[in-house]
Amino acid sequence: MTVPQVIFNPEPSFSDEARKAKAQGSVLLLVVVGKDGHPYDIHVGQSLGMGLDEKAIEAVNRWRFRPGTLNGQPVATQIAVQVDFHLY
């Protein structure tokens, strides 16, 4: 069995509230990667708050994956994805 691999992952945007508070950190999301490489059923595993959880979900909804495989066939697989928020 192989695990899904990220092939397209645009950066998340900051919420206004988080930018004003200079908040940084990571949101952990639990994601089902479908046989088509699209993310489904996204849930927050570790929250950061201040609107960043929602921004992380929005970003991961745009991500694309090479799906996991079992015996050479694509399968839906649940994975944990970390989305980092850093002010530069």
N, C-alpha and C. Protein backbone atom coordinates (compact mmCIF):
# COMPACT_ATOMS: atom_id res chain seq x y z
N MET A 1 0.84 -1.18 0.00
CA MET A 1 0.00 0.00 0.00
C MET A 1 0.89 1.24 0.00
N THR A 2 0.48 2.26 -0.79
CA THR A 2 1.19 3.54 -0.76
C THR A 2 0.25 4.60 -0.19
N VAL A 3 0.84 5.64 0.38
CA VAL A 3 0.06 6.74 0.94
C VAL A 3 -0.07 7.85 -0.10
N PRO A 4 -1.11 8.68 0.01
CA PRO A 4 -1.26 9.79 -0.93
C PRO A 4 -0.08 10.76 -0.84
N GLN A 5 0.28 11.35 -1.98
CA GLN A 5 1.35 12.34 -2.05
C GLN A 5 0.78 13.66 -2.56
N VAL A 6 1.16 14.75 -1.90
CA VAL A 6 0.71 16.07 -2.34
C VAL A 6 1.41 16.42 -3.65
N ILE A 7 0.63 16.85 -4.66
CA ILE A 7 1.24 17.26 -5.92
C ILE A 7 0.95 18.73 -6.24
N PHE A 8 -0.01 19.34 -5.53
CA PHE A 8 -0.32 20.76 -5.70
C PHE A 8 -0.85 21.28 -4.38
N ASN A 9 -0.16 22.25 -3.78
CA ASN A 9 -0.60 22.75 -2.47
C ASN A 9 -0.36 24.26 -2.33
N PRO A 10 -1.32 25.06 -2.84
CA PRO A 10 -1.18 26.50 -2.70
C PRO A 10 -1.20 26.91 -1.22
N GLU A 11 -0.49 27.99 -0.93
CA GLU A 11 -0.38 28.48 0.45
C GLU A 11 -1.73 28.97 0.97
N PRO A 12 -1.99 28.77 2.26
CA PRO A 12 -3.22 29.31 2.85
C PRO A 12 -3.08 30.82 3.06
N SER A 13 -4.19 31.51 3.09
CA SER A 13 -4.17 32.94 3.40
C SER A 13 -4.43 33.11 4.89
N PHE A 14 -4.00 34.25 5.44
CA PHE A 14 -4.24 34.57 6.84
C PHE A 14 -5.60 35.22 7.00
N SER A 15 -6.24 34.97 8.12
CA SER A 15 -7.46 35.72 8.45
C SER A 15 -7.02 37.09 8.96
N ASP A 16 -7.89 38.09 8.83
CA ASP A 16 -7.56 39.44 9.31
C ASP A 16 -7.28 39.43 10.81
N GLU A 17 -8.11 38.67 11.54
CA GLU A 17 -7.95 38.58 12.99
C GLU A 17 -6.59 38.02 13.37
N ALA A 18 -6.15 36.97 12.70
CA ALA A 18 -4.86 36.35 13.00
C ALA A 18 -3.71 37.26 12.62
N ARG A 19 -3.86 37.99 11.51
CA ARG A 19 -2.80 38.90 11.08
C ARG A 19 -2.62 40.03 12.10
N LYS A 20 -3.75 40.59 12.57
CA LYS A 20 -3.69 41.67 13.57
C LYS A 20 -3.06 41.19 14.87
N ALA A 21 -3.35 39.95 15.25
CA ALA A 21 -2.82 39.39 16.49
C ALA A 21 -1.43 38.80 16.30
N LYS A 22 -0.92 38.83 15.05
CA LYS A 22 0.38 38.25 14.71
C LYS A 22 0.46 36.77 15.13
N ALA A 23 -0.65 36.07 14.94
CA ALA A 23 -0.72 34.65 15.31
C ALA A 23 0.02 33.80 14.29
N GLN A 24 0.73 32.80 14.78
CA GLN A 24 1.43 31.84 13.93
C GLN A 24 1.25 30.45 14.52
N GLY A 25 1.49 29.45 13.71
CA GLY A 25 1.40 28.08 14.20
C GLY A 25 0.92 27.14 13.13
N SER A 26 0.41 25.98 13.56
CA SER A 26 -0.01 24.94 12.62
C SER A 26 -1.41 24.45 12.96
N VAL A 27 -2.15 24.12 11.92
CA VAL A 27 -3.45 23.47 12.05
C VAL A 27 -3.27 22.06 11.51
N LEU A 28 -3.73 21.07 12.27
CA LEU A 28 -3.67 19.68 11.82
C LEU A 28 -5.05 19.28 11.33
N LEU A 29 -5.11 18.84 10.08
CA LEU A 29 -6.38 18.44 9.49
C LEU A 29 -6.37 16.94 9.18
N LEU A 30 -7.51 16.31 9.38
CA LEU A 30 -7.70 14.92 8.98
C LEU A 30 -8.47 14.95 7.67
N VAL A 31 -7.91 14.35 6.64
CA VAL A 31 -8.42 14.46 5.28
C VAL A 31 -8.55 13.08 4.66
N VAL A 32 -9.66 12.85 3.98
CA VAL A 32 -9.79 11.65 3.16
C VAL A 32 -9.41 12.05 1.74
N VAL A 33 -8.38 11.41 1.21
CA VAL A 33 -7.98 11.64 -0.18
C VAL A 33 -8.66 10.57 -1.03
N GLY A 34 -9.51 11.02 -1.93
CA GLY A 34 -10.27 10.10 -2.76
C GLY A 34 -9.42 9.45 -3.84
N LYS A 35 -10.01 8.49 -4.52
CA LYS A 35 -9.33 7.80 -5.62
C LYS A 35 -8.95 8.76 -6.73
N ASP A 36 -9.66 9.90 -6.80
CA ASP A 36 -9.40 10.91 -7.83
C ASP A 36 -8.34 11.93 -7.42
N GLY A 37 -7.80 11.79 -6.20
CA GLY A 37 -6.77 12.72 -5.73
C GLY A 37 -7.31 14.00 -5.13
N HIS A 38 -8.62 14.11 -5.02
CA HIS A 38 -9.24 15.29 -4.40
C HIS A 38 -9.47 15.03 -2.91
N PRO A 39 -9.35 16.08 -2.09
CA PRO A 39 -9.61 15.93 -0.66
C PRO A 39 -11.11 15.95 -0.35
N TYR A 40 -11.52 15.12 0.58
CA TYR A 40 -12.91 15.04 1.03
C TYR A 40 -12.94 14.93 2.54
N ASP A 41 -14.10 15.21 3.13
CA ASP A 41 -14.34 14.93 4.55
C ASP A 41 -13.21 15.49 5.42
N ILE A 42 -12.98 16.80 5.33
CA ILE A 42 -11.89 17.45 6.06
C ILE A 42 -12.37 17.85 7.45
N HIS A 43 -11.62 17.42 8.47
CA HIS A 43 -11.94 17.75 9.86
C HIS A 43 -10.70 18.30 10.55
N VAL A 44 -10.92 19.21 11.49
CA VAL A 44 -9.80 19.78 12.25
C VAL A 44 -9.40 18.81 13.36
N GLY A 45 -8.13 18.42 13.37
CA GLY A 45 -7.59 17.55 14.42
C GLY A 45 -6.94 18.36 15.52
N GLN A 46 -6.30 19.47 15.14
CA GLN A 46 -5.66 20.36 16.10
C GLN A 46 -5.92 21.79 15.63
N SER A 47 -6.62 22.53 16.47
CA SER A 47 -7.08 23.87 16.10
C SER A 47 -6.07 24.94 16.46
N LEU A 48 -6.09 26.02 15.69
CA LEU A 48 -5.26 27.19 15.98
C LEU A 48 -6.14 28.39 16.33
N GLY A 49 -7.40 28.38 15.87
CA GLY A 49 -8.33 29.46 16.18
C GLY A 49 -8.13 30.70 15.32
N MET A 50 -8.81 31.77 15.67
CA MET A 50 -8.73 33.07 15.02
C MET A 50 -8.98 33.01 13.51
N GLY A 51 -9.83 32.08 13.09
CA GLY A 51 -10.17 31.97 11.68
C GLY A 51 -9.17 31.17 10.86
N LEU A 52 -8.07 30.74 11.48
CA LEU A 52 -7.04 30.02 10.72
C LEU A 52 -7.46 28.59 10.39
N ASP A 53 -8.28 27.99 11.24
CA ASP A 53 -8.77 26.63 10.94
C ASP A 53 -9.54 26.65 9.62
N GLU A 54 -10.43 27.65 9.47
CA GLU A 54 -11.22 27.77 8.25
C GLU A 54 -10.34 28.05 7.04
N LYS A 55 -9.31 28.89 7.22
CA LYS A 55 -8.39 29.20 6.13
C LYS A 55 -7.60 27.96 5.72
N ALA A 56 -7.24 27.12 6.70
CA ALA A 56 -6.53 25.88 6.40
C ALA A 56 -7.42 24.94 5.59
N ILE A 57 -8.69 24.83 5.99
CA ILE A 57 -9.63 23.97 5.26
C ILE A 57 -9.82 24.48 3.83
N GLU A 58 -9.97 25.81 3.67
CA GLU A 58 -10.11 26.38 2.33
C GLU A 58 -8.90 26.02 1.46
N ALA A 59 -7.70 26.15 2.03
CA ALA A 59 -6.48 25.86 1.26
C ALA A 59 -6.42 24.39 0.87
N VAL A 60 -6.66 23.49 1.82
CA VAL A 60 -6.54 22.06 1.54
C VAL A 60 -7.61 21.60 0.55
N ASN A 61 -8.76 22.28 0.53
CA ASN A 61 -9.78 21.97 -0.48
C ASN A 61 -9.27 22.19 -1.89
N ARG A 62 -8.26 23.06 -2.06
CA ARG A 62 -7.67 23.33 -3.38
C ARG A 62 -6.48 22.41 -3.68
N TRP A 63 -6.00 21.70 -2.66
CA TRP A 63 -4.85 20.82 -2.87
C TRP A 63 -5.24 19.64 -3.76
N ARG A 64 -4.23 19.09 -4.42
CA ARG A 64 -4.43 17.87 -5.20
C ARG A 64 -3.36 16.87 -4.80
N PHE A 65 -3.73 15.61 -4.83
CA PHE A 65 -2.86 14.53 -4.37
C PHE A 65 -2.73 13.46 -5.45
N ARG A 66 -1.63 12.72 -5.38
CA ARG A 66 -1.53 11.45 -6.08
C ARG A 66 -2.14 10.46 -5.09
N PRO A 67 -3.23 9.79 -5.45
CA PRO A 67 -3.93 8.96 -4.46
C PRO A 67 -3.10 7.79 -3.96
N GLY A 68 -3.46 7.34 -2.78
CA GLY A 68 -2.84 6.13 -2.25
C GLY A 68 -3.27 4.94 -3.09
N THR A 69 -2.46 3.90 -3.07
CA THR A 69 -2.81 2.71 -3.86
C THR A 69 -2.74 1.46 -2.98
N LEU A 70 -3.51 0.48 -3.38
CA LEU A 70 -3.49 -0.84 -2.76
C LEU A 70 -3.49 -1.83 -3.91
N ASN A 71 -2.46 -2.66 -3.98
CA ASN A 71 -2.30 -3.62 -5.09
C ASN A 71 -2.33 -2.91 -6.45
N GLY A 72 -1.72 -1.71 -6.48
CA GLY A 72 -1.63 -0.98 -7.73
C GLY A 72 -2.87 -0.20 -8.13
N GLN A 73 -3.93 -0.30 -7.35
CA GLN A 73 -5.18 0.40 -7.66
C GLN A 73 -5.37 1.58 -6.70
N PRO A 74 -5.83 2.75 -7.21
CA PRO A 74 -6.07 3.88 -6.32
C PRO A 74 -7.18 3.58 -5.32
N VAL A 75 -6.98 4.02 -4.08
CA VAL A 75 -7.97 3.82 -3.02
C VAL A 75 -8.11 5.11 -2.22
N ALA A 76 -9.29 5.32 -1.65
CA ALA A 76 -9.50 6.44 -0.74
C ALA A 76 -8.73 6.14 0.55
N THR A 77 -8.03 7.15 1.06
CA THR A 77 -7.18 6.97 2.23
C THR A 77 -7.30 8.18 3.14
N GLN A 78 -7.42 7.96 4.45
CA GLN A 78 -7.42 9.09 5.37
C GLN A 78 -6.00 9.38 5.82
N ILE A 79 -5.63 10.66 5.77
CA ILE A 79 -4.31 11.08 6.20
C ILE A 79 -4.44 12.32 7.07
N ALA A 80 -3.37 12.62 7.79
CA ALA A 80 -3.28 13.86 8.56
C ALA A 80 -2.41 14.83 7.77
N VAL A 81 -2.87 16.07 7.67
CA VAL A 81 -2.16 17.10 6.93
C VAL A 81 -1.90 18.29 7.86
N GLN A 82 -0.68 18.75 7.91
CA GLN A 82 -0.33 19.92 8.72
C GLN A 82 -0.25 21.14 7.82
N VAL A 83 -0.99 22.19 8.20
CA VAL A 83 -0.98 23.45 7.45
C VAL A 83 -0.32 24.49 8.35
N ASP A 84 0.79 25.04 7.89
CA ASP A 84 1.56 26.00 8.69
C ASP A 84 1.22 27.42 8.33
N PHE A 85 1.12 28.26 9.36
CA PHE A 85 0.89 29.70 9.18
C PHE A 85 2.05 30.45 9.81
N HIS A 86 2.79 31.18 8.97
CA HIS A 86 3.93 31.95 9.46
C HIS A 86 3.90 33.34 8.86
N LEU A 87 4.11 34.34 9.69
CA LEU A 87 4.25 35.71 9.21
C LEU A 87 5.73 35.94 8.92
N TYR A 88 6.02 36.56 7.79
CA TYR A 88 7.42 36.77 7.43
C TYR A 88 7.82 38.20 7.62
